């Protein structure tokens, strides 16, 4: 773990912004808001056969490894007929609520949506955390770090850090645009905020995470706001993580697409369709029991990096083969 001028290094831990009031992870429309309801289900009992089992996942972000780990175990050990459906984190809540997917294993974000969908009698059940911690980080090409871009304070010195004639900008995905705007305003930066489509990135967060390395190869200045598992982002060959000072980017107003209004750590949640969760299906018991320990998280993040952030069933096979004692404990 590296510390710099008393600030946490983004690439190893979190971008921890301490709010004047309570820090919020999901967009709640204010600086704090009511805490999210405690909707974690009780220990399930498996009473029937598996049958069809549909897992939603968000491709290209890295953390979708959970879907393929659970899917492989369900197919091989429980005899499930497993299928996968691509989605995004925000859409996944509604996908699971409608029953078009049984589970989504990497949920986070909008507290209002969670509160509405997981209230007593609601269509979604929270089955606990999956063990992976998420963060929002700021990445730049490595050469900008060499020019002195180390903290948010350095962003204002646009000439020194290598912007040249390029308009200084923070680029991110639609879900993080409100947070990016709030950060630029709070830091009083003369920067524009761009949707990632404006720079030719079209494959979502997975491509955006890797874009700083591509920019470094061509000496192109850019700054990106990205979200992903803690430890997967940060300093890597060709990219540089920028330290953020301990102050909040407030206010971050929610929008139809926004999911996060804080830079603080958050945990990825396992969510399930409520009817599926109460059905006695052994696949739900597997999902409930599924939780990665820190060592397993580290191993899987290495696999994700090797896969180029585009994880598929084959990428998790080696982990399953070498961690039999870990995943057998998840079986009902």
Foldseek 3Di string as FASTA:
>chain_A
DDDDPNFDAPQFFFQAACEPDHPDWAFDQDRHDDDFDDQADDQFAFDDAAEEAEEEEAFQFLVSVVVLVLQVCCCPPRVYPYDYDYDDQVVVLVCQLVVVHFKYQFHAFHRVSSNQQRPVVHFKGWLWFQAFKKFKFKKAFPQLVVLPQAAPVCLQVCVSSQQPPPAAEEEEAPQCQLQRVLVCVVSVHNYYYYYPVVVPDDSHQNSQQCVNQVCNVVVHTYMYIGMHTRNLGADDVGMHTHRYDHHASDDRGDDPRHGTNGRRMDTTIMMGGPCSCRVSNQSNLLSSLRHDHPVLVVVSSVLCVVVSSGDDNVSCVVVCVVPVVVSVVSGD
